[in-house]
N, C-alpha and C. Protein backbone atom coordinates (compact mmCIF):
# COMPACT_ATOMS: atom_id res chain seq x y z
N UNK A 1 11.30 -0.41 -29.13
CA UNK A 1 10.69 1.22 -29.96
C UNK A 1 11.11 1.96 -27.76
N UNK A 2 11.94 3.24 -28.65
CA UNK A 2 12.31 4.04 -27.42
C UNK A 2 10.55 5.10 -27.63
N UNK A 3 10.52 5.81 -26.40
CA UNK A 3 9.09 6.85 -26.84
C UNK A 3 9.39 7.84 -25.06
N UNK A 4 9.24 8.44 -25.96
CA UNK A 4 8.50 9.78 -24.35
C UNK A 4 7.38 9.83 -23.81
N UNK A 5 7.14 9.83 -22.55
CA UNK A 5 6.23 9.91 -21.39
C UNK A 5 5.63 11.27 -21.61
N UNK A 6 4.63 11.39 -22.17
CA UNK A 6 3.80 12.86 -21.43
C UNK A 6 2.62 12.43 -20.30
N UNK A 7 2.82 11.44 -20.00
CA UNK A 7 1.67 11.28 -19.06
C UNK A 7 2.38 10.23 -17.69
N UNK A 8 2.57 10.44 -16.58
CA UNK A 8 2.84 9.26 -15.68
C UNK A 8 1.85 7.77 -16.30
N UNK A 9 2.52 6.85 -16.72
CA UNK A 9 2.06 5.55 -16.64
C UNK A 9 2.47 4.49 -15.38
N UNK A 10 1.26 3.48 -14.79
CA UNK A 10 1.60 3.03 -13.77
C UNK A 10 2.93 1.78 -14.14
N UNK A 11 3.48 1.33 -13.53
CA UNK A 11 4.58 0.66 -14.52
C UNK A 11 5.49 0.58 -15.00
N UNK A 12 5.51 1.94 -15.34
CA UNK A 12 6.35 1.77 -16.13
C UNK A 12 7.51 3.38 -16.42
N UNK A 13 6.21 4.61 -15.76
CA UNK A 13 7.52 5.21 -15.73
C UNK A 13 7.06 6.80 -15.45
N UNK A 14 7.67 7.82 -15.34
CA UNK A 14 6.94 8.89 -14.72
C UNK A 14 6.96 9.91 -16.13
N UNK A 15 6.33 11.47 -15.90
CA UNK A 15 6.15 12.41 -17.46
C UNK A 15 8.14 12.94 -17.87
N UNK A 16 7.78 12.46 -18.28
CA UNK A 16 9.27 12.95 -19.35
C UNK A 16 9.96 12.06 -19.12
N UNK A 17 9.68 10.87 -18.72
CA UNK A 17 10.65 10.11 -18.78
C UNK A 17 11.05 9.69 -20.35
N UNK A 18 12.32 8.54 -21.04
CA UNK A 18 12.24 8.01 -21.79
C UNK A 18 12.23 6.74 -21.91
N UNK A 19 11.06 5.80 -22.31
CA UNK A 19 11.10 4.67 -21.92
C UNK A 19 11.27 3.31 -23.43
N UNK A 20 12.30 2.24 -22.93
CA UNK A 20 12.34 1.45 -23.86
C UNK A 20 11.07 0.09 -23.59
N UNK A 21 10.42 0.57 -25.08
CA UNK A 21 9.55 -0.29 -24.78
C UNK A 21 9.01 -1.43 -25.99
N UNK A 22 8.11 -2.86 -26.10
CA UNK A 22 8.19 -3.35 -27.26
C UNK A 22 7.31 -2.35 -27.94
N UNK A 23 7.32 -2.67 -29.76
CA UNK A 23 6.87 -1.82 -30.23
C UNK A 23 5.34 -2.07 -30.22
N UNK A 24 4.54 -3.23 -30.14
CA UNK A 24 2.67 -3.79 -29.72
C UNK A 24 2.15 -3.10 -28.83
N UNK A 25 3.23 -3.00 -27.36
CA UNK A 25 2.48 -1.93 -26.78
C UNK A 25 2.60 -0.79 -26.96
N UNK A 26 3.44 0.20 -27.68
CA UNK A 26 3.96 1.34 -28.28
C UNK A 26 2.54 1.72 -29.20
N UNK A 27 2.60 1.24 -30.09
CA UNK A 27 1.65 1.18 -31.27
C UNK A 27 0.06 1.31 -30.30
N UNK A 28 -0.50 -0.44 -30.39
CA UNK A 28 -2.03 -0.86 -29.49
C UNK A 28 -2.19 0.27 -28.28
N UNK A 29 -1.35 1.01 -27.76
CA UNK A 29 -1.44 0.87 -25.97
C UNK A 29 -1.04 2.62 -25.69
N UNK A 30 0.16 2.37 -25.46
CA UNK A 30 1.17 3.85 -25.85
C UNK A 30 0.79 5.46 -26.61
N UNK A 31 1.18 4.94 -27.93
CA UNK A 31 0.01 6.65 -28.69
C UNK A 31 -0.73 6.22 -29.22
N UNK A 32 -1.80 5.52 -28.83
CA UNK A 32 -3.19 5.40 -29.45
C UNK A 32 -4.43 6.51 -28.12
N UNK A 33 -3.27 6.35 -27.05
CA UNK A 33 -4.47 7.13 -25.80
C UNK A 33 -3.57 8.19 -25.41
N UNK A 34 -2.14 8.66 -26.18
CA UNK A 34 -2.03 9.60 -25.87
C UNK A 34 -0.85 9.83 -24.64
N UNK A 35 0.09 8.48 -24.53
CA UNK A 35 0.46 8.97 -23.04
C UNK A 35 2.30 8.80 -23.65
N UNK A 36 2.29 8.31 -24.83
CA UNK A 36 3.23 8.73 -25.08
C UNK A 36 3.85 9.57 -26.44
N UNK A 37 4.68 9.70 -27.05
CA UNK A 37 5.52 10.35 -27.87
C UNK A 37 6.59 10.25 -28.53
N UNK A 38 7.10 9.71 -29.92
CA UNK A 38 8.26 9.66 -30.32
C UNK A 38 8.86 10.56 -29.67
N UNK A 39 10.56 10.29 -29.90
CA UNK A 39 11.75 11.17 -29.46
C UNK A 39 12.09 11.73 -30.51
N UNK A 40 11.27 13.83 -30.63
CA UNK A 40 12.30 14.41 -31.35
C UNK A 40 12.80 15.76 -30.56
N UNK A 41 13.02 16.39 -30.52
CA UNK A 41 13.66 17.89 -30.12
C UNK A 41 12.63 18.79 -30.03
N UNK A 42 11.06 18.95 -30.63
CA UNK A 42 10.53 19.38 -30.37
C UNK A 42 9.40 18.49 -29.31
N UNK A 43 9.50 17.64 -29.30
CA UNK A 43 8.91 17.06 -28.00
C UNK A 43 9.28 16.99 -27.36
N UNK A 44 11.03 16.49 -27.18
CA UNK A 44 11.52 16.72 -25.42
C UNK A 44 10.93 17.79 -25.34
N UNK A 45 11.17 19.07 -25.39
CA UNK A 45 11.29 20.93 -25.09
C UNK A 45 9.77 20.71 -24.56
N UNK A 46 8.88 20.24 -24.69
CA UNK A 46 7.55 20.56 -24.74
C UNK A 46 7.30 19.69 -23.25
N UNK A 47 7.44 18.40 -23.75
CA UNK A 47 7.78 17.20 -22.64
C UNK A 47 8.76 18.04 -21.29
N UNK A 48 9.79 18.71 -21.40
CA UNK A 48 10.07 19.23 -20.37
C UNK A 48 9.14 20.28 -19.72
N UNK A 49 8.59 21.56 -20.77
CA UNK A 49 7.52 22.19 -20.14
C UNK A 49 6.54 22.04 -19.34
N UNK A 50 5.80 20.29 -19.68
CA UNK A 50 4.90 19.66 -18.52
C UNK A 50 5.62 18.83 -17.73
N UNK A 51 6.57 18.75 -17.88
CA UNK A 51 7.08 17.82 -16.92
C UNK A 51 7.71 19.35 -15.34
N UNK A 52 8.41 20.16 -15.35
CA UNK A 52 7.99 21.32 -14.70
C UNK A 52 6.93 21.83 -14.50
N UNK A 53 6.27 22.21 -14.80
CA UNK A 53 4.61 22.28 -14.56
C UNK A 53 4.04 21.78 -13.43
N UNK A 54 3.84 19.77 -13.84
CA UNK A 54 3.47 19.36 -12.96
C UNK A 54 4.57 18.81 -11.13
N UNK A 55 5.94 19.24 -11.79
CA UNK A 55 6.51 19.43 -10.47
C UNK A 55 6.07 20.74 -9.67
N UNK A 56 6.02 21.54 -9.96
CA UNK A 56 5.29 22.68 -9.29
C UNK A 56 4.12 21.93 -7.89
N UNK A 57 2.93 22.06 -9.23
CA UNK A 57 2.32 20.96 -9.08
C UNK A 57 2.26 20.18 -7.70
N UNK A 58 3.44 19.13 -7.99
CA UNK A 58 3.42 17.97 -7.08
C UNK A 58 4.04 18.33 -5.49
N UNK A 59 4.86 19.40 -5.57
CA UNK A 59 5.47 20.19 -4.70
C UNK A 59 4.34 20.79 -3.52
N UNK A 60 3.39 21.33 -4.00
CA UNK A 60 2.63 22.00 -3.86
C UNK A 60 1.33 21.05 -3.41
N UNK A 61 1.32 20.09 -3.57
CA UNK A 61 0.69 19.20 -3.47
C UNK A 61 1.25 18.26 -2.16
N UNK A 62 2.16 18.37 -2.25
CA UNK A 62 3.08 17.41 -1.09
C UNK A 62 2.90 18.34 -0.03
N UNK A 63 3.29 19.47 0.04
CA UNK A 63 3.15 20.25 1.12
C UNK A 63 1.89 20.20 1.50
N UNK A 64 0.39 20.71 1.28
CA UNK A 64 -0.35 20.20 1.64
C UNK A 64 -1.25 19.20 2.42
N UNK A 65 -0.47 18.08 1.50
CA UNK A 65 0.03 16.30 2.49
C UNK A 65 0.27 16.20 3.07
N UNK A 66 1.63 17.44 3.63
CA UNK A 66 2.39 17.07 5.07
C UNK A 66 1.89 18.15 5.67
N UNK A 67 0.68 18.89 5.59
CA UNK A 67 0.18 20.05 6.86
C UNK A 67 -1.43 18.96 7.18
N UNK A 68 -1.45 18.03 6.21
CA UNK A 68 -2.71 16.77 6.73
C UNK A 68 -1.62 15.78 7.61
N UNK A 69 -0.84 15.57 7.18
CA UNK A 69 -0.33 14.66 7.93
C UNK A 69 -0.12 14.91 9.29
N UNK A 70 0.38 16.65 9.73
CA UNK A 70 0.83 17.18 11.15
C UNK A 70 -0.54 17.13 11.50
N UNK A 71 -2.18 17.63 11.25
CA UNK A 71 -2.82 16.94 11.91
C UNK A 71 -3.13 15.64 12.33
N UNK A 72 -2.86 14.45 11.41
CA UNK A 72 -3.24 13.58 11.55
C UNK A 72 -2.94 12.87 12.77
N UNK A 73 -1.60 13.20 12.97
CA UNK A 73 -0.53 13.00 14.50
C UNK A 73 -1.06 13.09 15.29
N UNK A 74 -1.79 14.16 15.26
CA UNK A 74 -2.20 14.51 16.85
C UNK A 74 -3.68 13.89 17.23
N UNK A 75 -4.24 13.01 16.00
CA UNK A 75 -6.01 13.02 16.21
C UNK A 75 -5.56 11.43 16.48
N UNK A 76 -6.62 10.68 17.54
CA UNK A 76 -7.06 9.78 17.90
C UNK A 76 -8.22 9.25 17.09
N UNK A 77 -8.58 7.91 16.86
CA UNK A 77 -9.80 7.84 16.84
C UNK A 77 -10.44 6.87 17.38
N UNK A 78 -11.99 7.46 18.57
CA UNK A 78 -12.36 5.95 19.08
C UNK A 78 -13.46 5.23 18.53
N UNK A 79 -13.98 4.10 18.06
CA UNK A 79 -13.99 3.22 17.64
C UNK A 79 -15.01 2.01 18.33
N UNK A 80 -16.48 2.06 18.99
CA UNK A 80 -17.30 1.35 19.53
C UNK A 80 -17.70 -0.17 18.78
N UNK A 81 -17.33 -1.13 19.63
CA UNK A 81 -17.84 -2.57 18.81
C UNK A 81 -18.21 -3.24 20.12
N UNK A 82 -19.01 -4.10 20.05
CA UNK A 82 -19.09 -5.04 20.49
C UNK A 82 -18.18 -5.98 20.68
N UNK A 83 -17.87 -6.78 22.26
CA UNK A 83 -17.73 -7.52 22.17
C UNK A 83 -17.34 -8.32 23.34
N UNK A 84 -16.51 -9.96 23.96
CA UNK A 84 -17.08 -10.66 24.23
C UNK A 84 -16.33 -10.18 25.86
N UNK A 85 -16.12 -11.41 27.25
CA UNK A 85 -16.39 -10.47 28.38
C UNK A 85 -13.94 -10.81 27.99
N UNK A 86 -13.50 -11.64 27.14
CA UNK A 86 -12.93 -11.21 26.54
C UNK A 86 -12.01 -10.42 25.96
N UNK A 87 -13.35 -9.62 25.75
CA UNK A 87 -12.30 -8.43 24.97
C UNK A 87 -12.33 -8.75 23.24
N UNK A 88 -13.14 -9.70 23.04
CA UNK A 88 -13.07 -9.65 21.66
C UNK A 88 -14.04 -9.59 20.74
N UNK A 89 -13.87 -8.80 19.95
CA UNK A 89 -14.77 -8.13 18.80
C UNK A 89 -16.20 -9.07 18.13
N UNK A 90 -17.10 -9.09 18.90
CA UNK A 90 -18.43 -9.67 17.51
C UNK A 90 -17.88 -9.73 16.42
N UNK A 91 -17.87 -8.55 16.23
CA UNK A 91 -17.54 -8.88 14.55
C UNK A 91 -15.63 -7.68 14.58
N UNK A 92 -16.09 -6.57 13.42
CA UNK A 92 -14.36 -6.37 13.28
C UNK A 92 -14.39 -5.16 12.72
N UNK A 93 -13.58 -4.57 13.04
CA UNK A 93 -13.19 -2.71 13.06
C UNK A 93 -11.96 -2.87 11.33
N UNK A 94 -12.65 -1.98 10.26
CA UNK A 94 -12.13 -2.44 9.12
C UNK A 94 -11.92 -1.00 8.73
N UNK A 95 -11.01 -0.20 7.65
CA UNK A 95 -10.87 0.34 6.75
C UNK A 95 -12.06 1.48 7.01
N UNK A 96 -13.26 0.32 6.55
CA UNK A 96 -14.08 1.93 6.46
C UNK A 96 -14.50 2.58 7.22
N UNK A 97 -14.61 1.50 8.62
CA UNK A 97 -14.76 2.24 9.16
C UNK A 97 -13.57 3.30 10.16
N UNK A 98 -12.57 2.70 10.38
CA UNK A 98 -11.28 4.27 10.89
C UNK A 98 -11.85 5.16 9.99
N UNK A 99 -12.19 4.79 8.15
CA UNK A 99 -11.88 6.15 7.00
C UNK A 99 -13.34 7.59 7.59
N UNK A 100 -14.21 6.42 8.25
CA UNK A 100 -15.26 7.27 8.42
C UNK A 100 -15.51 7.72 9.50
N UNK A 101 -14.65 7.48 10.72
CA UNK A 101 -14.85 8.49 11.85
C UNK A 101 -13.24 9.30 11.38
N UNK A 102 -12.51 8.91 11.11
CA UNK A 102 -11.74 10.44 10.10
C UNK A 102 -12.02 11.70 9.49
N UNK A 103 -13.01 10.89 8.91
CA UNK A 103 -13.97 12.30 7.79
C UNK A 103 -15.13 12.63 8.67
N UNK A 104 -15.26 12.45 9.66
CA UNK A 104 -16.60 13.10 10.71
C UNK A 104 -15.51 13.80 11.97
N UNK A 105 -14.57 13.68 11.94
CA UNK A 105 -13.12 15.13 12.35
C UNK A 105 -12.98 16.05 11.56
N UNK A 106 -13.32 16.01 10.23
CA UNK A 106 -12.92 16.47 9.48
C UNK A 106 -11.76 16.63 8.83
N UNK A 107 -10.86 15.56 8.71
CA UNK A 107 -10.23 14.24 7.85
C UNK A 107 -10.07 13.92 6.56
N UNK A 108 -9.94 14.77 5.32
CA UNK A 108 -10.58 14.08 4.33
C UNK A 108 -9.75 12.76 3.97
N UNK A 109 -10.02 11.61 3.99
CA UNK A 109 -9.90 9.99 3.76
C UNK A 109 -10.52 9.21 3.01
N UNK A 110 -9.55 8.18 2.54
CA UNK A 110 -10.58 7.32 1.93
C UNK A 110 -10.24 6.16 2.19
N UNK A 111 -10.88 5.09 2.05
CA UNK A 111 -10.74 3.40 2.44
C UNK A 111 -9.51 3.27 2.58
N UNK A 112 -9.36 3.10 0.74
CA UNK A 112 -7.85 2.95 0.04
C UNK A 112 -6.55 3.38 0.97
N UNK A 113 -6.63 4.39 1.63
CA UNK A 113 -5.32 5.34 2.20
C UNK A 113 -5.68 4.41 3.64
N UNK A 114 -5.89 3.93 4.13
CA UNK A 114 -5.73 3.59 5.42
C UNK A 114 -5.21 1.83 5.08
N UNK A 115 -4.00 1.89 6.24
CA UNK A 115 -3.39 0.78 5.74
C UNK A 115 -3.69 -0.10 6.74
N UNK A 116 -4.07 -1.19 6.84
CA UNK A 116 -3.85 -2.11 7.61
C UNK A 116 -3.64 -3.45 7.72
N UNK A 117 -2.86 -3.89 8.16
CA UNK A 117 -2.51 -6.07 7.54
C UNK A 117 -3.81 -6.67 7.98
N UNK A 118 -4.37 -6.46 8.73
CA UNK A 118 -5.92 -7.31 8.99
C UNK A 118 -6.55 -6.44 9.75
N UNK A 119 -8.29 -6.76 9.43
CA UNK A 119 -9.31 -5.99 10.51
C UNK A 119 -8.89 -6.33 11.54
N UNK A 120 -8.81 -5.25 13.01
CA UNK A 120 -8.91 -4.87 14.48
C UNK A 120 -10.08 -5.99 15.44
N UNK A 121 -9.67 -6.71 15.64
CA UNK A 121 -11.00 -7.99 16.18
C UNK A 121 -11.09 -8.48 17.56
N UNK A 122 -9.95 -7.40 18.24
CA UNK A 122 -9.93 -7.13 19.81
C UNK A 122 -10.02 -5.92 20.23
N UNK A 123 -10.24 -5.31 21.56
CA UNK A 123 -10.34 -4.55 21.92
C UNK A 123 -9.06 -3.56 22.61
N UNK A 124 -9.05 -2.40 22.66
CA UNK A 124 -7.46 -2.48 22.58
C UNK A 124 -6.83 -0.71 21.53
N UNK A 125 -5.59 -0.35 21.99
CA UNK A 125 -5.40 0.87 21.30
C UNK A 125 -4.38 -0.16 19.76
N UNK A 126 -4.81 0.50 18.88
CA UNK A 126 -3.53 0.08 17.79
C UNK A 126 -3.07 1.18 17.14
N UNK A 127 -2.37 1.14 16.76
CA UNK A 127 -1.34 2.00 15.21
C UNK A 127 -1.66 1.69 13.71
N UNK A 128 -2.72 2.84 13.23
CA UNK A 128 -2.63 2.56 11.77
C UNK A 128 -2.18 3.40 11.09
N UNK A 129 -1.57 2.93 9.91
CA UNK A 129 -0.96 4.43 9.12
C UNK A 129 -1.55 4.22 8.28
N UNK A 130 -1.80 5.58 7.64
CA UNK A 130 -2.54 6.19 6.67
C UNK A 130 -1.81 7.01 5.38
N UNK A 131 -2.12 6.43 4.16
CA UNK A 131 -1.06 6.63 2.76
C UNK A 131 -1.49 7.65 2.58
N UNK A 132 -0.68 8.89 2.87
CA UNK A 132 -1.69 10.09 2.07
C UNK A 132 -0.70 10.08 0.78
N UNK A 133 0.78 9.83 0.33
CA UNK A 133 1.57 10.48 -0.68
C UNK A 133 2.70 9.23 -0.55
N UNK A 134 3.61 8.98 -1.62
CA UNK A 134 4.79 7.72 -0.95
C UNK A 134 5.34 8.13 0.27
N UNK A 135 5.63 9.40 0.19
CA UNK A 135 6.44 9.98 1.28
C UNK A 135 6.28 10.09 2.49
N UNK A 136 4.92 10.52 2.37
CA UNK A 136 3.42 10.82 3.44
C UNK A 136 2.95 10.09 4.23
N UNK A 137 3.31 9.34 5.37
CA UNK A 137 2.32 7.93 5.72
C UNK A 137 2.56 8.16 7.04
N UNK A 138 1.57 9.39 8.44
CA UNK A 138 1.42 9.20 9.47
C UNK A 138 0.88 8.33 9.91
N UNK A 139 1.14 8.18 11.43
CA UNK A 139 0.69 6.89 11.91
C UNK A 139 -0.35 7.96 13.58
N UNK A 140 -1.81 6.64 13.12
CA UNK A 140 -2.61 7.49 14.40
C UNK A 140 -2.75 6.47 15.30
N UNK A 141 -3.96 6.86 16.36
CA UNK A 141 -4.70 5.45 17.37
C UNK A 141 -6.19 5.13 16.77
N UNK A 142 -5.73 4.31 17.13
CA UNK A 142 -7.06 4.07 16.40
C UNK A 142 -7.67 3.47 18.74
N UNK A 143 -8.99 3.43 18.81
CA UNK A 143 -9.04 3.10 20.13
C UNK A 143 -10.37 2.47 19.78
N UNK A 144 -10.15 1.27 19.84
CA UNK A 144 -11.49 -0.12 20.48
C UNK A 144 -12.11 -0.37 21.46
N UNK A 145 -12.56 0.45 21.75
CA UNK A 145 -13.20 0.54 22.54
C UNK A 145 -14.87 -0.68 22.75
N UNK A 146 -15.31 -1.37 23.78
CA UNK A 146 -16.63 -1.72 24.28
C UNK A 146 -18.06 -0.21 23.84
N UNK A 147 -19.11 -1.07 23.31
CA UNK A 147 -19.82 -0.59 23.13
C UNK A 147 -20.73 -0.71 24.50
N UNK A 148 -21.34 0.82 24.77
CA UNK A 148 -21.85 0.84 26.54
C UNK A 148 -23.69 -0.02 25.87
N UNK A 149 -23.88 -0.68 26.75
CA UNK A 149 -25.05 -1.31 26.68
C UNK A 149 -26.28 0.07 26.95
N UNK A 150 -27.24 -0.73 26.24
CA UNK A 150 -28.40 -0.04 25.92
C UNK A 150 -29.39 -0.09 26.91
């Protein structure tokens, strides 16, 4: 069954895309939720207007994210942790601590945007990717240092 998407649907398509889906998926999910409509001339015209507005908003959002990415490339974050003599941390530094440190510096970043392959478990300097958008992924420096004794 061919439908025209009214909204972005994850793993299916973006607003205005013509998709071919099984009739059950269309009847039970896409149509009742208002995510898609049948392909008619009036629906195509309406979706094109919505798509044009969404494209302008997306470009504005992308410009804002590129501005934030420019700020992020100049920022480094220092996180203190307790470590043994060899430099192995007793705990680990994860996305939560990195995102909190960025928020303290005035950069609005969520935990899910910080990309780590695995938690940082040693003292050192690490490059960490911050995923702001599919096209915008700046890299920041994270310094993990020994916590000062009290």
